[in-house]
Amino acid sequence: MIEEITIRYLDSFKDQKPVDPLFIEGLPGIGQVGKLVAEYMIHMLGAEKIGEIHSIYLPPQVILDETGLARLARNELFLFRGEGKDLIFLVGDHQSTSNEGHYLLADAYCDIAVELKAKRIYTLGGFGVGHLVNEPRVLGAMNRAELRPELEAAGVRFDREEPGGGIIGAAGLMLGMSAERGIDAVCLMGETSGYLVDPMAAASVLAILSKLIGVPVDLTRLNERASEMEKVIEGLVESDKLQKDEELTYIG
């Protein structure tokens, strides 16, 4: 029987202890920016899966693979063992479908960070601006004012009115909840239109995250995806322009 929130570690991880780990949250969100960054890092660094999270607060659906095989929606934990510094990644299929679930799941994620003795939490996401962005900025937030100089030195922007509406979901809630547990936390948000999956914003976030954590990640493949998406966007813009020109000609 499924419980409200079930966290299960793989047998292969149960006797392991991460070394001074950093906790990186990259769940689905605006432009899928955080998800792209975290999953790209998992792939490029060769991180290994260490656990699964199931919950009744995730959408009531199953996920199908290419063969039609079904499984419950879930979130997952991955571990990368670096030189003197490990990385724990939280990725997955969905965030909560309810306000209550957002709070309870974020609380559970912070409990995991405490249990695994994370030194800092990084939450990743997109900052939707409602229009196409050629050179995405990376906006930031933190749960302790003393962290700001370090973030600004890495290129994170802190503009007075952005994000004006706050930060929704795990990326925001984990900042507040981790502060209560005495863990430093940082949120990095890539500027994105919010209309499409945005590898350009993801590349901007990853470049800064790599500086902050001191773990280099080859951006080549992500930049290639960003270039491909840029061409798609240019095609959409041109198509829209042609359509408008045709409408004007017809009206004239």
Protein backbone atom coordinates (compact mmCIF):
# COMPACT_ATOMS: atom_id res chain seq x y z
CA MET A 1 0.00 0.00 0.00
CA ILE A 2 1.37 3.40 -0.96
CA GLU A 3 1.89 5.91 1.86
CA GLU A 4 1.59 9.69 1.65
CA ILE A 5 5.32 9.93 0.94
CA THR A 6 7.59 6.91 0.58
CA ILE A 7 11.37 7.29 0.35
CA ARG A 8 13.25 4.12 -0.58
CA TYR A 9 17.02 3.87 -0.94
CA LEU A 10 18.49 1.19 -3.19
CA ASP A 11 20.25 -1.70 -1.43
CA SER A 12 23.50 -0.75 -3.17
CA PHE A 13 23.47 2.62 -1.35
CA LYS A 14 22.39 1.67 2.15
CA ASP A 15 25.94 1.14 3.49
CA GLN A 16 27.41 4.19 1.73
CA LYS A 17 27.99 7.62 3.23
CA PRO A 18 28.25 10.68 0.94
CA VAL A 19 31.26 12.92 1.64
CA ASP A 20 30.40 16.60 2.33
CA PRO A 21 27.60 16.43 -0.25
CA LEU A 22 25.84 19.29 -1.98
CA PHE A 23 22.13 18.73 -2.65
CA ILE A 24 20.88 19.83 -6.10
CA GLU A 25 17.14 19.96 -6.81
CA GLY A 26 16.10 19.90 -10.46
CA LEU A 27 12.42 18.99 -10.63
CA PRO A 28 10.10 19.97 -13.52
CA GLY A 29 9.13 23.62 -13.72
CA ILE A 30 9.05 26.71 -15.95
CA GLY A 31 10.87 26.00 -19.20
CA GLN A 32 12.00 22.71 -17.61
CA VAL A 33 15.21 24.62 -16.83
CA GLY A 34 16.07 22.95 -13.53
CA LYS A 35 15.19 19.51 -14.84
CA LEU A 36 17.41 19.99 -17.90
CA VAL A 37 20.37 21.12 -15.81
CA ALA A 38 20.17 18.34 -13.23
CA GLU A 39 19.53 15.53 -15.71
CA TYR A 40 22.32 16.77 -17.98
CA MET A 41 24.74 16.79 -15.04
CA ILE A 42 23.67 13.29 -14.00
CA HIS A 43 24.35 12.04 -17.53
CA MET A 44 27.64 13.86 -18.06
CA LEU A 45 29.06 13.05 -14.61
CA GLY A 46 27.85 9.45 -14.60
CA ALA A 47 25.92 9.81 -11.33
CA GLU A 48 24.32 6.63 -9.98
CA LYS A 49 20.73 6.22 -8.84
CA ILE A 50 20.43 5.73 -5.08
CA GLY A 51 16.75 6.11 -4.30
CA GLU A 52 13.13 6.69 -5.29
CA ILE A 53 10.35 8.84 -3.87
CA HIS A 54 6.68 7.94 -4.38
CA SER A 55 3.78 10.01 -3.10
CA ILE A 56 0.03 10.39 -3.31
CA TYR A 57 0.72 14.11 -3.82
CA LEU A 58 2.17 13.44 -7.27
CA PRO A 59 -0.29 13.37 -10.22
CA PRO A 60 -2.55 10.28 -10.30
CA GLN A 61 -1.03 8.70 -13.37
CA VAL A 62 1.49 6.19 -14.61
CA ILE A 63 4.44 6.88 -16.91
CA LEU A 64 4.78 4.81 -20.08
CA ASP A 65 8.08 3.91 -21.72
CA GLU A 66 8.60 3.41 -25.45
CA THR A 67 7.44 -0.21 -25.21
CA GLY A 68 4.20 0.68 -23.43
CA LEU A 69 5.42 -0.56 -20.03
CA ALA A 70 3.81 1.44 -17.21
CA ARG A 71 5.20 2.57 -13.86
CA LEU A 72 4.03 4.92 -11.13
CA ALA A 73 5.09 8.55 -11.32
CA ARG A 74 8.09 9.10 -9.06
CA ASN A 75 11.02 11.32 -8.20
CA GLU A 76 14.54 9.98 -7.91
CA LEU A 77 17.83 10.55 -6.11
CA PHE A 78 21.23 10.23 -7.77
CA LEU A 79 24.74 10.40 -6.31
CA PHE A 80 27.97 11.59 -7.94
CA ARG A 81 31.16 10.94 -6.02
CA GLY A 82 33.66 13.70 -6.72
CA GLU A 83 37.09 14.45 -5.36
CA GLY A 84 36.36 15.32 -1.74
CA LYS A 85 32.87 16.57 -2.58
CA ASP A 86 29.84 14.52 -3.53
CA LEU A 87 26.70 15.71 -5.30
CA ILE A 88 23.18 14.45 -4.57
CA PHE A 89 20.61 15.14 -7.29
CA LEU A 90 16.83 15.23 -6.88
CA VAL A 91 15.06 14.83 -10.22
CA GLY A 92 11.84 13.24 -11.38
CA ASP A 93 8.57 13.19 -13.21
CA HIS A 94 6.47 15.79 -11.41
CA GLN A 95 5.96 18.23 -8.59
CA SER A 96 2.88 18.13 -6.39
CA THR A 97 -0.65 18.68 -7.64
CA SER A 98 -1.73 20.47 -4.43
CA ASN A 99 -0.54 23.24 -2.13
CA GLU A 100 -0.44 20.82 0.80
CA GLY A 101 1.60 18.37 -1.22
CA HIS A 102 4.14 21.04 -2.21
CA TYR A 103 4.81 21.76 1.45
CA LEU A 104 4.95 18.14 2.56
CA LEU A 105 7.19 17.02 -0.30
CA ALA A 106 9.56 19.98 0.10
CA ASP A 107 9.76 19.17 3.80
CA ALA A 108 10.61 15.56 2.94
CA TYR A 109 13.30 16.68 0.48
CA CYS A 110 14.89 18.85 3.18
CA ASP A 111 14.76 15.90 5.58
CA ILE A 112 16.71 13.87 3.01
CA ALA A 113 19.30 16.66 2.77
CA VAL A 114 19.68 16.60 6.57
CA GLU A 115 19.85 12.80 6.69
CA LEU A 116 22.60 12.73 4.06
CA LYS A 117 24.40 15.63 5.80
CA ALA A 118 24.25 18.03 2.85
CA LYS A 119 26.45 21.11 3.31
CA ARG A 120 24.33 23.29 1.01
CA ILE A 121 21.20 23.03 -1.11
CA TYR A 122 20.95 24.38 -4.65
CA THR A 123 17.48 24.59 -6.15
CA LEU A 124 17.19 25.19 -9.90
CA GLY A 125 14.39 26.61 -12.01
CA GLY A 126 13.24 28.99 -14.69
CA PHE A 127 12.15 32.60 -14.35
CA GLY A 128 9.37 33.15 -16.88
CA VAL A 129 9.37 36.56 -18.57
CA GLY A 130 6.71 35.87 -21.21
CA HIS A 131 8.88 36.68 -24.22
CA LEU A 132 11.81 35.13 -26.09
CA VAL A 133 15.25 35.71 -24.54
CA ASN A 134 18.47 35.67 -26.56
CA GLU A 135 20.95 35.92 -23.68
CA PRO A 136 19.29 34.51 -20.54
CA ARG A 137 20.32 36.02 -17.23
CA VAL A 138 20.54 33.88 -14.12
CA LEU A 139 18.58 35.39 -11.24
CA GLY A 140 19.17 34.29 -7.69
CA ALA A 141 17.74 33.99 -4.21
CA MET A 142 19.23 32.65 -0.98
CA ASN A 143 18.20 31.92 2.58
CA ARG A 144 21.09 33.80 4.18
CA ALA A 145 22.21 37.33 3.23
CA GLU A 146 25.90 36.46 3.67
CA LEU A 147 25.74 34.21 0.61
CA ARG A 148 25.03 37.06 -1.80
CA PRO A 149 28.62 38.26 -2.51
CA GLU A 150 29.67 34.73 -3.49
CA LEU A 151 26.72 34.41 -5.85
CA GLU A 152 27.23 37.83 -7.43
CA ALA A 153 30.91 37.02 -8.02
CA ALA A 154 29.79 33.93 -9.98
CA GLY A 155 27.49 36.04 -12.19
CA VAL A 156 24.13 35.64 -10.43
CA ARG A 157 21.86 38.67 -10.80
CA PHE A 158 19.78 40.20 -8.03
CA ASP A 159 17.34 42.69 -9.51
CA ARG A 160 15.12 44.53 -7.08
CA GLU A 161 11.76 43.60 -8.58
CA GLU A 162 12.58 40.12 -9.86
CA PRO A 163 11.24 37.61 -9.14
CA GLY A 164 8.40 39.86 -7.97
CA GLY A 165 5.84 37.09 -7.44
CA GLY A 166 8.05 34.86 -5.32
CA ILE A 167 9.30 31.36 -6.15
CA ILE A 168 6.70 28.62 -6.42
CA GLY A 169 7.21 24.92 -5.69
CA ALA A 170 10.17 22.99 -4.31
CA ALA A 171 12.70 25.51 -5.64
CA GLY A 172 11.25 28.18 -3.38
CA LEU A 173 9.93 26.22 -0.40
CA MET A 174 13.24 24.43 0.13
CA LEU A 175 14.94 27.80 0.70
CA GLY A 176 12.70 28.60 3.65
CA MET A 177 12.51 25.10 5.06
CA SER A 178 16.27 24.51 4.89
CA ALA A 179 16.89 27.77 6.78
CA GLU A 180 14.90 26.34 9.70
CA ARG A 181 17.25 23.35 9.65
CA GLY A 182 20.42 25.47 9.57
CA ILE A 183 21.37 24.55 5.99
CA ASP A 184 22.45 27.22 3.52
CA ALA A 185 20.36 27.20 0.35
CA VAL A 186 20.55 28.98 -3.00
CA CYS A 187 18.06 29.18 -5.86
CA LEU A 188 19.31 29.76 -9.42
CA MET A 189 16.70 30.73 -12.01
CA GLY A 190 17.40 30.93 -15.73
CA GLU A 191 15.51 33.64 -17.58
CA THR A 192 13.12 31.99 -20.04
CA SER A 193 10.02 32.74 -22.06
CA GLY A 194 8.24 29.92 -20.25
CA TYR A 195 6.60 28.75 -23.48
CA LEU A 196 9.06 26.02 -24.48
CA VAL A 197 11.65 23.66 -23.02
CA ASP A 198 14.61 26.02 -22.78
CA PRO A 199 18.15 24.57 -23.06
CA MET A 200 19.55 28.10 -23.53
CA ALA A 201 18.42 29.10 -20.05
CA ALA A 202 19.64 25.74 -18.73
CA ALA A 203 23.11 26.32 -20.20
CA SER A 204 23.28 29.72 -18.46
CA VAL A 205 22.31 28.20 -15.11
CA LEU A 206 24.72 25.28 -15.47
CA ALA A 207 27.66 27.57 -16.28
CA ILE A 208 27.15 29.47 -13.01
CA LEU A 209 26.31 26.39 -10.94
CA SER A 210 29.57 24.74 -12.05
CA LYS A 211 31.51 27.77 -10.78
CA LEU A 212 29.74 27.75 -7.45
CA ILE A 213 30.18 24.05 -6.72
CA GLY A 214 33.66 23.71 -8.23
CA VAL A 215 32.68 20.79 -10.44
CA PRO A 216 33.39 21.37 -14.14
CA VAL A 217 30.78 20.04 -16.57
CA ASP A 218 31.27 20.02 -20.35
CA LEU A 219 28.57 22.30 -21.77
CA THR A 220 29.09 21.26 -25.41
CA ARG A 221 26.04 19.02 -25.82
CA LEU A 222 23.76 21.37 -23.93
CA ASN A 223 24.95 24.31 -26.02
CA GLU A 224 24.26 22.24 -29.14
CA ARG A 225 20.71 21.64 -27.95
CA ALA A 226 20.41 25.36 -27.23
CA SER A 227 21.54 26.19 -30.78
CA GLU A 228 19.01 23.75 -32.20
CA MET A 229 16.24 25.30 -30.11
CA GLU A 230 17.32 28.76 -31.21
CA LYS A 231 16.83 27.73 -34.84
CA VAL A 232 13.40 26.33 -33.99
CA ILE A 233 12.45 29.60 -32.31
CA GLU A 234 13.74 31.64 -35.24
CA GLY A 235 11.59 29.50 -37.53
CA LEU A 236 8.53 30.06 -35.36
CA VAL A 237 9.13 33.80 -35.27
CA GLU A 238 9.60 33.97 -39.04
CA SER A 239 6.50 31.86 -39.61
CA ASP A 240 4.48 34.16 -37.35
CA LYS A 241 5.83 37.21 -39.18
CA LEU A 242 4.90 35.76 -42.58
CA GLN A 243 1.43 34.92 -41.33
CA LYS A 244 0.91 38.46 -40.10
CA ASP A 245 2.20 39.90 -43.39
CA GLU A 246 -0.22 37.71 -45.33
CA GLU A 247 -3.10 38.86 -43.10
CA LEU A 248 -2.20 42.49 -43.69
CA THR A 249 -1.97 41.92 -47.45
CA TYR A 250 -5.36 40.24 -47.43
CA ILE A 251 -6.87 43.11 -45.43
CA GLY A 252 -5.32 45.69 -47.77
